[in-house]
Amino acid sequence: MTSLHYMAGVAVGEQAPIPEGMETWILEAKSYAVFESDLATLGQAFDEIFGSWLPQSDFQQAEGPLLERYGEDFDPQTHPVLRIYVPIKPKA
């Protein structure tokens, strides 16, 4: 069974104070395939990424977090655009 750990976050500097109840998570540098979607088609985007693009590409999913990035201009009503980051490595 696959488990899912969902976390919301914000980038901070190394010396930034972390509020009580929150934790730090340092991400290693990796290669990512980046896809753009909006909220209305997010499920379709994941289906396309993992059902079509990834199997037909020269890459496979690498270990590491799959990220959704919501930019500063994100607004679910007026600008529902986000980016999906999938860690990748060349197919063996």
PDB file of N, CA and C in Angstrom:
ATOM      1  N   MET A   1       0.838  -1.183   0.000  1.00  0.00           N
ATOM      2  CA  MET A   1       0.000   0.000   0.000  1.00  0.00           C
ATOM      3  C   MET A   1       0.881   1.243   0.000  1.00  0.00           C
ATOM      4  N   THR A   2       0.565   2.186  -0.836  1.00  0.00           N
ATOM      5  CA  THR A   2       1.304   3.441  -0.923  1.00  0.00           C
ATOM      6  C   THR A   2       0.727   4.434   0.078  1.00  0.00           C
ATOM      7  N   SER A   3       1.592   5.178   0.728  1.00  0.00           N
ATOM      8  CA  SER A   3       1.111   6.193   1.662  1.00  0.00           C
ATOM      9  C   SER A   3       1.377   7.574   1.082  1.00  0.00           C
ATOM     10  N   LEU A   4       0.647   8.534   1.559  1.00  0.00           N
ATOM     11  CA  LEU A   4       0.769   9.909   1.094  1.00  0.00           C
ATOM     12  C   LEU A   4       0.986  10.799   2.311  1.00  0.00           C
ATOM     13  N   HIS A   5       2.006  11.611   2.226  1.00  0.00           N
ATOM     14  CA  HIS A   5       2.282  12.595   3.269  1.00  0.00           C
ATOM     15  C   HIS A   5       2.126  13.945   2.606  1.00  0.00           C
ATOM     16  N   TYR A   6       1.100  14.682   2.966  1.00  0.00           N
ATOM     17  CA  TYR A   6       0.845  15.980   2.345  1.00  0.00           C
ATOM     18  C   TYR A   6       1.280  17.068   3.301  1.00  0.00           C
ATOM     19  N   MET A   7       2.036  18.020   2.765  1.00  0.00           N
ATOM     20  CA  MET A   7       2.564  19.087   3.592  1.00  0.00           C
ATOM     21  C   MET A   7       2.473  20.400   2.826  1.00  0.00           C
ATOM     22  N   ALA A   8       2.041  21.443   3.482  1.00  0.00           N
ATOM     23  CA  ALA A   8       2.067  22.786   2.907  1.00  0.00           C
ATOM     24  C   ALA A   8       3.327  23.461   3.424  1.00  0.00           C
ATOM     25  N   GLY A   9       3.954  24.284   2.596  1.00  0.00           N
ATOM     26  CA  GLY A   9       5.194  24.890   3.036  1.00  0.00           C
ATOM     27  C   GLY A   9       5.472  26.218   2.375  1.00  0.00           C
ATOM     28  N   VAL A  10       6.496  26.839   2.849  1.00  0.00           N
ATOM     29  CA  VAL A  10       6.978  28.093   2.298  1.00  0.00           C
ATOM     30  C   VAL A  10       8.501  28.086   2.413  1.00  0.00           C
ATOM     31  N   ALA A  11       9.172  28.621   1.410  1.00  0.00           N
ATOM     32  CA  ALA A  11      10.630  28.683   1.435  1.00  0.00           C
ATOM     33  C   ALA A  11      11.087  29.715   2.463  1.00  0.00           C
ATOM     34  N   VAL A  12      12.106  29.335   3.239  1.00  0.00           N
ATOM     35  CA  VAL A  12      12.691  30.245   4.219  1.00  0.00           C
ATOM     36  C   VAL A  12      14.202  30.126   4.157  1.00  0.00           C
ATOM     37  N   GLY A  13      14.877  31.127   4.632  1.00  0.00           N
ATOM     38  CA  GLY A  13      16.330  31.090   4.703  1.00  0.00           C
ATOM     39  C   GLY A  13      16.795  30.155   5.806  1.00  0.00           C
ATOM     40  N   GLU A  14      18.052  29.761   5.734  1.00  0.00           N
ATOM     41  CA  GLU A  14      18.595  28.811   6.712  1.00  0.00           C
ATOM     42  C   GLU A  14      18.507  29.312   8.147  1.00  0.00           C
ATOM     43  N   GLN A  15      18.603  30.598   8.360  1.00  0.00           N
ATOM     44  CA  GLN A  15      18.613  31.144   9.717  1.00  0.00           C
ATOM     45  C   GLN A  15      17.237  31.660  10.153  1.00  0.00           C
ATOM     46  N   ALA A  16      16.209  31.445   9.347  1.00  0.00           N
ATOM     47  CA  ALA A  16      14.888  31.969   9.680  1.00  0.00           C
ATOM     48  C   ALA A  16      14.324  31.260  10.904  1.00  0.00           C
ATOM     49  N   PRO A  17      13.686  32.018  11.801  1.00  0.00           N
ATOM     50  CA  PRO A  17      13.052  31.375  12.953  1.00  0.00           C
ATOM     51  C   PRO A  17      11.830  30.574  12.480  1.00  0.00           C
ATOM     52  N   ILE A  18      11.651  29.401  13.031  1.00  0.00           N
ATOM     53  CA  ILE A  18      10.540  28.535  12.656  1.00  0.00           C
ATOM     54  C   ILE A  18       9.481  28.624  13.762  1.00  0.00           C
ATOM     55  N   PRO A  19       8.252  28.988  13.416  1.00  0.00           N
ATOM     56  CA  PRO A  19       7.200  29.097  14.438  1.00  0.00           C
ATOM     57  C   PRO A  19       6.962  27.765  15.156  1.00  0.00           C
ATOM     58  N   GLU A  20       6.561  27.842  16.398  1.00  0.00           N
ATOM     59  CA  GLU A  20       6.264  26.651  17.195  1.00  0.00           C
ATOM     60  C   GLU A  20       5.182  25.823  16.502  1.00  0.00           C
ATOM     61  N   GLY A  21       5.368  24.515  16.504  1.00  0.00           N
ATOM     62  CA  GLY A  21       4.409  23.620  15.870  1.00  0.00           C
ATOM     63  C   GLY A  21       4.704  23.342  14.410  1.00  0.00           C
ATOM     64  N   MET A  22       5.676  24.057  13.845  1.00  0.00           N
ATOM     65  CA  MET A  22       6.066  23.837  12.458  1.00  0.00           C
ATOM     66  C   MET A  22       7.411  23.125  12.441  1.00  0.00           C
ATOM     67  N   GLU A  23       7.766  22.575  11.299  1.00  0.00           N
ATOM     68  CA  GLU A  23       9.045  21.873  11.183  1.00  0.00           C
ATOM     69  C   GLU A  23       9.748  22.294   9.905  1.00  0.00           C
ATOM     70  N   THR A  24      11.050  22.085   9.866  1.00  0.00           N
ATOM     71  CA  THR A  24      11.809  22.370   8.653  1.00  0.00           C
ATOM     72  C   THR A  24      11.975  21.086   7.857  1.00  0.00           C
ATOM     73  N   TRP A  25      12.098  21.257   6.576  1.00  0.00           N
ATOM     74  CA  TRP A  25      12.310  20.126   5.677  1.00  0.00           C
ATOM     75  C   TRP A  25      13.254  20.608   4.592  1.00  0.00           C
ATOM     76  N   ILE A  26      14.449  20.074   4.563  1.00  0.00           N
ATOM     77  CA  ILE A  26      15.450  20.490   3.588  1.00  0.00           C
ATOM     78  C   ILE A  26      15.347  19.569   2.376  1.00  0.00           C
ATOM     79  N   LEU A  27      15.151  20.154   1.210  1.00  0.00           N
ATOM     80  CA  LEU A  27      15.027  19.383  -0.028  1.00  0.00           C
ATOM     81  C   LEU A  27      16.372  19.306  -0.723  1.00  0.00           C
ATOM     82  N   GLU A  28      16.742  18.091  -1.132  1.00  0.00           N
ATOM     83  CA  GLU A  28      17.970  17.909  -1.904  1.00  0.00           C
ATOM     84  C   GLU A  28      17.767  18.454  -3.311  1.00  0.00           C
ATOM     85  N   ALA A  29      18.848  18.865  -3.933  1.00  0.00           N
ATOM     86  CA  ALA A  29      18.783  19.265  -5.338  1.00  0.00           C
ATOM     87  C   ALA A  29      18.485  18.021  -6.165  1.00  0.00           C
ATOM     88  N   LYS A  30      17.551  18.108  -7.069  1.00  0.00           N
ATOM     89  CA  LYS A  30      17.148  17.001  -7.931  1.00  0.00           C
ATOM     90  C   LYS A  30      16.766  17.550  -9.294  1.00  0.00           C
ATOM     91  N   SER A  31      16.589  16.649 -10.236  1.00  0.00           N
ATOM     92  CA  SER A  31      16.032  17.010 -11.532  1.00  0.00           C
ATOM     93  C   SER A  31      14.531  16.786 -11.466  1.00  0.00           C
ATOM     94  N   TYR A  32      13.780  17.761 -11.934  1.00  0.00           N
ATOM     95  CA  TYR A  32      12.329  17.676 -11.920  1.00  0.00           C
ATOM     96  C   TYR A  32      11.777  17.942 -13.314  1.00  0.00           C
ATOM     97  N   ALA A  33      10.728  17.221 -13.668  1.00  0.00           N
ATOM     98  CA  ALA A  33       9.907  17.581 -14.825  1.00  0.00           C
ATOM     99  C   ALA A  33       8.833  18.497 -14.261  1.00  0.00           C
ATOM    100  N   VAL A  34       8.573  19.615 -14.944  1.00  0.00           N
ATOM    101  CA  VAL A  34       7.640  20.605 -14.433  1.00  0.00           C
ATOM    102  C   VAL A  34       6.460  20.718 -15.395  1.00  0.00           C
ATOM    103  N   PHE A  35       5.264  20.676 -14.824  1.00  0.00           N
ATOM    104  CA  PHE A  35       4.035  20.747 -15.603  1.00  0.00           C
ATOM    105  C   PHE A  35       3.151  21.845 -15.023  1.00  0.00           C
ATOM    106  N   GLU A  36       2.418  22.536 -15.872  1.00  0.00           N
ATOM    107  CA  GLU A  36       1.513  23.582 -15.424  1.00  0.00           C
ATOM    108  C   GLU A  36       0.082  23.083 -15.550  1.00  0.00           C
ATOM    109  N   SER A  37      -0.722  23.432 -14.583  1.00  0.00           N
ATOM    110  CA  SER A  37      -2.126  23.039 -14.579  1.00  0.00           C
ATOM    111  C   SER A  37      -2.923  24.122 -13.871  1.00  0.00           C
ATOM    112  N   ASP A  38      -4.227  23.939 -13.857  1.00  0.00           N
ATOM    113  CA  ASP A  38      -5.065  24.780 -13.016  1.00  0.00           C
ATOM    114  C   ASP A  38      -5.894  23.856 -12.132  1.00  0.00           C
ATOM    115  N   LEU A  39      -6.578  24.414 -11.177  1.00  0.00           N
ATOM    116  CA  LEU A  39      -7.311  23.584 -10.233  1.00  0.00           C
ATOM    117  C   LEU A  39      -8.375  22.731 -10.910  1.00  0.00           C
ATOM    118  N   ALA A  40      -9.038  23.275 -11.915  1.00  0.00           N
ATOM    119  CA  ALA A  40     -10.140  22.561 -12.567  1.00  0.00           C
ATOM    120  C   ALA A  40      -9.669  21.305 -13.288  1.00  0.00           C
ATOM    121  N   THR A  41      -8.408  21.294 -13.742  1.00  0.00           N
ATOM    122  CA  THR A  41      -7.907  20.149 -14.515  1.00  0.00           C
ATOM    123  C   THR A  41      -6.756  19.423 -13.806  1.00  0.00           C
ATOM    124  N   LEU A  42      -6.620  19.625 -12.501  1.00  0.00           N
ATOM    125  CA  LEU A  42      -5.503  19.047 -11.761  1.00  0.00           C
ATOM    126  C   LEU A  42      -5.500  17.523 -11.844  1.00  0.00           C
ATOM    127  N   GLY A  43      -6.631  16.889 -11.663  1.00  0.00           N
ATOM    128  CA  GLY A  43      -6.700  15.433 -11.758  1.00  0.00           C
ATOM    129  C   GLY A  43      -6.317  14.939 -13.134  1.00  0.00           C
ATOM    130  N   GLN A  44      -6.796  15.633 -14.163  1.00  0.00           N
ATOM    131  CA  GLN A  44      -6.436  15.300 -15.547  1.00  0.00           C
ATOM    132  C   GLN A  44      -4.936  15.439 -15.766  1.00  0.00           C
ATOM    133  N   ALA A  45      -4.354  16.472 -15.196  1.00  0.00           N
ATOM    134  CA  ALA A  45      -2.915  16.701 -15.354  1.00  0.00           C
ATOM    135  C   ALA A  45      -2.131  15.530 -14.774  1.00  0.00           C
ATOM    136  N   PHE A  46      -2.498  15.078 -13.578  1.00  0.00           N
ATOM    137  CA  PHE A  46      -1.804  13.937 -12.977  1.00  0.00           C
ATOM    138  C   PHE A  46      -2.006  12.674 -13.807  1.00  0.00           C
ATOM    139  N   ASP A  47      -3.211  12.465 -14.331  1.00  0.00           N
ATOM    140  CA  ASP A  47      -3.460  11.314 -15.212  1.00  0.00           C
ATOM    141  C   ASP A  47      -2.560  11.367 -16.436  1.00  0.00           C
ATOM    142  N   GLU A  48      -2.421  12.544 -17.038  1.00  0.00           N
ATOM    143  CA  GLU A  48      -1.593  12.709 -18.233  1.00  0.00           C
ATOM    144  C   GLU A  48      -0.108  12.498 -17.899  1.00  0.00           C
ATOM    145  N   ILE A  49       0.335  13.053 -16.783  1.00  0.00           N
ATOM    146  CA  ILE A  49       1.738  12.920 -16.388  1.00  0.00           C
ATOM    147  C   ILE A  49       2.110  11.456 -16.179  1.00  0.00           C
ATOM    148  N   PHE A  50       1.333  10.760 -15.336  1.00  0.00           N
ATOM    149  CA  PHE A  50       1.697   9.398 -14.956  1.00  0.00           C
ATOM    150  C   PHE A  50       1.145   8.331 -15.893  1.00  0.00           C
ATOM    151  N   GLY A  51       0.109   8.648 -16.651  1.00  0.00           N
ATOM    152  CA  GLY A  51      -0.457   7.674 -17.573  1.00  0.00           C
ATOM    153  C   GLY A  51       0.102   7.749 -18.973  1.00  0.00           C
ATOM    154  N   SER A  52       0.580   8.928 -19.386  1.00  0.00           N
ATOM    155  CA  SER A  52       1.082   9.101 -20.754  1.00  0.00           C
ATOM    156  C   SER A  52       2.510   9.630 -20.800  1.00  0.00           C
ATOM    157  N   TRP A  53       2.721  10.827 -20.248  1.00  0.00           N
ATOM    158  CA  TRP A  53       4.027  11.468 -20.428  1.00  0.00           C
ATOM    159  C   TRP A  53       5.161  10.622 -19.853  1.00  0.00           C
ATOM    160  N   LEU A  54       5.072  10.257 -18.583  1.00  0.00           N
ATOM    161  CA  LEU A  54       6.177   9.545 -17.948  1.00  0.00           C
ATOM    162  C   LEU A  54       6.466   8.199 -18.614  1.00  0.00           C
ATOM    163  N   PRO A  55       5.460   7.355 -18.887  1.00  0.00           N
ATOM    164  CA  PRO A  55       5.759   6.073 -19.541  1.00  0.00           C
ATOM    165  C   PRO A  55       6.369   6.224 -20.940  1.00  0.00           C
ATOM    166  N   GLN A  56       6.041   7.311 -21.640  1.00  0.00           N
ATOM    167  CA  GLN A  56       6.538   7.502 -23.003  1.00  0.00           C
ATOM    168  C   GLN A  56       7.839   8.296 -23.055  1.00  0.00           C
ATOM    169  N   SER A  57       8.268   8.828 -21.916  1.00  0.00           N
ATOM    170  CA  SER A  57       9.481   9.644 -21.884  1.00  0.00           C
ATOM    171  C   SER A  57      10.715   8.766 -21.674  1.00  0.00           C
ATOM    172  N   ASP A  58      11.865   9.391 -21.654  1.00  0.00           N
ATOM    173  CA  ASP A  58      13.123   8.702 -21.369  1.00  0.00           C
ATOM    174  C   ASP A  58      13.431   8.706 -19.871  1.00  0.00           C
ATOM    175  N   PHE A  59      12.426   9.044 -19.046  1.00  0.00           N
ATOM    176  CA  PHE A  59      12.637   9.199 -17.607  1.00  0.00           C
ATOM    177  C   PHE A  59      11.710   8.296 -16.810  1.00  0.00           C
ATOM    178  N   GLN A  60      12.084   8.115 -15.552  1.00  0.00           N
ATOM    179  CA  GLN A  60      11.216   7.463 -14.590  1.00  0.00           C
ATOM    180  C   GLN A  60      11.175   8.343 -13.351  1.00  0.00           C
ATOM    181  N   GLN A  61      10.174   8.128 -12.535  1.00  0.00           N
ATOM    182  CA  GLN A  61      10.077   8.934 -11.331  1.00  0.00           C
ATOM    183  C   GLN A  61      11.203   8.552 -10.383  1.00  0.00           C
ATOM    184  N   ALA A  62      11.870   9.551  -9.859  1.00  0.00           N
ATOM    185  CA  ALA A  62      12.954   9.343  -8.891  1.00  0.00           C
ATOM    186  C   ALA A  62      12.376   9.437  -7.484  1.00  0.00           C
ATOM    187  N   GLU A  63      13.149   8.959  -6.522  1.00  0.00           N
ATOM    188  CA  GLU A  63      12.740   9.127  -5.131  1.00  0.00           C
ATOM    189  C   GLU A  63      12.776  10.607  -4.799  1.00  0.00           C
ATOM    190  N   GLY A  64      11.898  11.000  -3.931  1.00  0.00           N
ATOM    191  CA  GLY A  64      11.837  12.391  -3.516  1.00  0.00           C
ATOM    192  C   GLY A  64      10.421  12.898  -3.595  1.00  0.00           C
ATOM    193  N   PRO A  65      10.203  14.073  -3.045  1.00  0.00           N
ATOM    194  CA  PRO A  65       8.846  14.595  -2.990  1.00  0.00           C
ATOM    195  C   PRO A  65       8.333  15.057  -4.349  1.00  0.00           C
ATOM    196  N   LEU A  66       7.089  14.785  -4.594  1.00  0.00           N
ATOM    197  CA  LEU A  66       6.368  15.355  -5.727  1.00  0.00           C
ATOM    198  C   LEU A  66       5.773  16.652  -5.187  1.00  0.00           C
ATOM    199  N   LEU A  67       5.998  17.742  -5.878  1.00  0.00           N
ATOM    200  CA  LEU A  67       5.613  19.051  -5.351  1.00  0.00           C
ATOM    201  C   LEU A  67       4.554  19.715  -6.204  1.00  0.00           C
ATOM    202  N   GLU A  68       3.652  20.427  -5.559  1.00  0.00           N
ATOM    203  CA  GLU A  68       2.750  21.356  -6.231  1.00  0.00           C
ATOM    204  C   GLU A  68       3.174  22.738  -5.769  1.00  0.00           C
ATOM    205  N   ARG A  69       3.404  23.633  -6.709  1.00  0.00           N
ATOM    206  CA  ARG A  69       3.830  24.992  -6.329  1.00  0.00           C
ATOM    207  C   ARG A  69       2.761  25.980  -6.744  1.00  0.00           C
ATOM    208  N   TYR A  70       2.270  26.694  -5.759  1.00  0.00           N
ATOM    209  CA  TYR A  70       1.269  27.735  -5.968  1.00  0.00           C
ATOM    210  C   TYR A  70       1.995  29.065  -5.845  1.00  0.00           C
ATOM    211  N   GLY A  71       2.083  29.817  -6.930  1.00  0.00           N
ATOM    212  CA  GLY A  71       2.834  31.064  -6.934  1.00  0.00           C
ATOM    213  C   GLY A  71       2.172  32.165  -6.130  1.00  0.00           C
ATOM    214  N   GLU A  72       2.888  33.259  -5.992  1.00  0.00           N
ATOM    215  CA  GLU A  72       2.374  34.402  -5.233  1.00  0.00           C
ATOM    216  C   GLU A  72       1.110  34.973  -5.840  1.00  0.00           C
ATOM    217  N   ASP A  73       0.939  34.811  -7.152  1.00  0.00           N
ATOM    218  CA  ASP A  73      -0.251  35.351  -7.813  1.00  0.00           C
ATOM    219  C   ASP A  73      -1.408  34.353  -7.863  1.00  0.00           C
ATOM    220  N   PHE A  74      -1.252  33.198  -7.195  1.00  0.00           N
ATOM    221  CA  PHE A  74      -2.302  32.184  -7.207  1.00  0.00           C
ATOM    222  C   PHE A  74      -3.550  32.713  -6.517  1.00  0.00           C
ATOM    223  N   ASP A  75      -4.688  32.521  -7.173  1.00  0.00           N
ATOM    224  CA  ASP A  75      -5.989  32.842  -6.606  1.00  0.00           C
ATOM    225  C   ASP A  75      -6.966  31.843  -7.210  1.00  0.00           C
ATOM    226  N   PRO A  76      -7.680  31.070  -6.410  1.00  0.00           N
ATOM    227  CA  PRO A  76      -8.550  30.036  -6.959  1.00  0.00           C
ATOM    228  C   PRO A  76      -9.637  30.582  -7.887  1.00  0.00           C
ATOM    229  N   GLN A  77      -9.996  31.836  -7.720  1.00  0.00           N
ATOM    230  CA  GLN A  77     -11.050  32.431  -8.552  1.00  0.00           C
ATOM    231  C   GLN A  77     -10.517  33.103  -9.820  1.00  0.00           C
ATOM    232  N   THR A  78      -9.423  33.832  -9.692  1.00  0.00           N
ATOM    233  CA  THR A  78      -8.954  34.635 -10.826  1.00  0.00           C
ATOM    234  C   THR A  78      -7.684  34.115 -11.487  1.00  0.00           C
ATOM    235  N   HIS A  79      -6.864  33.383 -10.764  1.00  0.00           N
ATOM    236  CA  HIS A  79      -5.608  32.860 -11.318  1.00  0.00           C
ATOM    237  C   HIS A  79      -5.307  31.510 -10.666  1.00  0.00           C
ATOM    238  N   PRO A  80      -6.053  30.446 -11.066  1.00  0.00           N
ATOM    239  CA  PRO A  80      -5.915  29.143 -10.409  1.00  0.00           C
ATOM    240  C   PRO A  80      -4.784  28.276 -10.961  1.00  0.00           C
ATOM    241  N   VAL A  81      -3.703  28.898 -11.417  1.00  0.00           N
ATOM    242  CA  VAL A  81      -2.606  28.170 -12.062  1.00  0.00           C
ATOM    243  C   VAL A  81      -1.570  27.734 -11.021  1.00  0.00           C
ATOM    244  N   LEU A  82      -1.084  26.498 -11.170  1.00  0.00           N
ATOM    245  CA  LEU A  82      -0.049  25.967 -10.300  1.00  0.00           C
ATOM    246  C   LEU A  82       0.904  25.139 -11.137  1.00  0.00           C
ATOM    247  N   ARG A  83       2.028  24.780 -10.548  1.00  0.00           N
ATOM    248  CA  ARG A  83       3.011  23.931 -11.229  1.00  0.00           C
ATOM    249  C   ARG A  83       3.190  22.643 -10.437  1.00  0.00           C
ATOM    250  N   ILE A  84       3.354  21.553 -11.166  1.00  0.00           N
ATOM    251  CA  ILE A  84       3.584  20.238 -10.582  1.00  0.00           C
ATOM    252  C   ILE A  84       5.028  19.863 -10.885  1.00  0.00           C
ATOM    253  N   TYR A  85       5.779  19.505  -9.863  1.00  0.00           N
ATOM    254  CA  TYR A  85       7.176  19.118 -10.000  1.00  0.00           C
ATOM    255  C   TYR A  85       7.294  17.630  -9.681  1.00  0.00           C
ATOM    256  N   VAL A  86       7.734  16.844 -10.662  1.00  0.00           N
ATOM    257  CA  VAL A  86       7.904  15.408 -10.489  1.00  0.00           C
ATOM    258  C   VAL A  86       9.393  15.097 -10.522  1.00  0.00           C
ATOM    259  N   PRO A  87       9.963  14.522  -9.450  1.00  0.00           N
ATOM    260  CA  PRO A  87      11.384  14.181  -9.480  1.00  0.00           C
ATOM    261  C   PRO A  87      11.615  13.068 -10.503  1.00  0.00           C
ATOM    262  N   ILE A  88      12.623  13.246 -11.341  1.00  0.00           N
ATOM    263  CA  ILE A  88      12.880  12.283 -12.415  1.00  0.00           C
ATOM    264  C   ILE A  88      14.350  11.880 -12.461  1.00  0.00           C
ATOM    265  N   LYS A  89      14.566  10.733 -13.102  1.00  0.00           N
ATOM    266  CA  LYS A  89      15.917  10.266 -13.417  1.00  0.00           C
ATOM    267  C   LYS A  89      15.805   9.492 -14.723  1.00  0.00           C
ATOM    268  N   PRO A  90      16.915   9.341 -15.451  1.00  0.00           N
ATOM    269  CA  PRO A  90      16.854   8.586 -16.701  1.00  0.00           C
ATOM    270  C   PRO A  90      16.398   7.155 -16.448  1.00  0.00           C
ATOM    271  N   LYS A  91      15.665   6.609 -17.406  1.00  0.00           N
ATOM    272  CA  LYS A  91      15.258   5.200 -17.298  1.00  0.00           C
ATOM    273  C   LYS A  91      16.485   4.319 -17.324  1.00  0.00           C
ATOM    274  N   ALA A  92      16.453   3.285 -16.524  1.00  0.00           N
ATOM    275  CA  ALA A  92      17.584   2.356 -16.445  1.00  0.00           C
ATOM    276  C   ALA A  92      17.611   1.442 -17.662  1.00  0.00           C
TER     277      ALA A  92
END
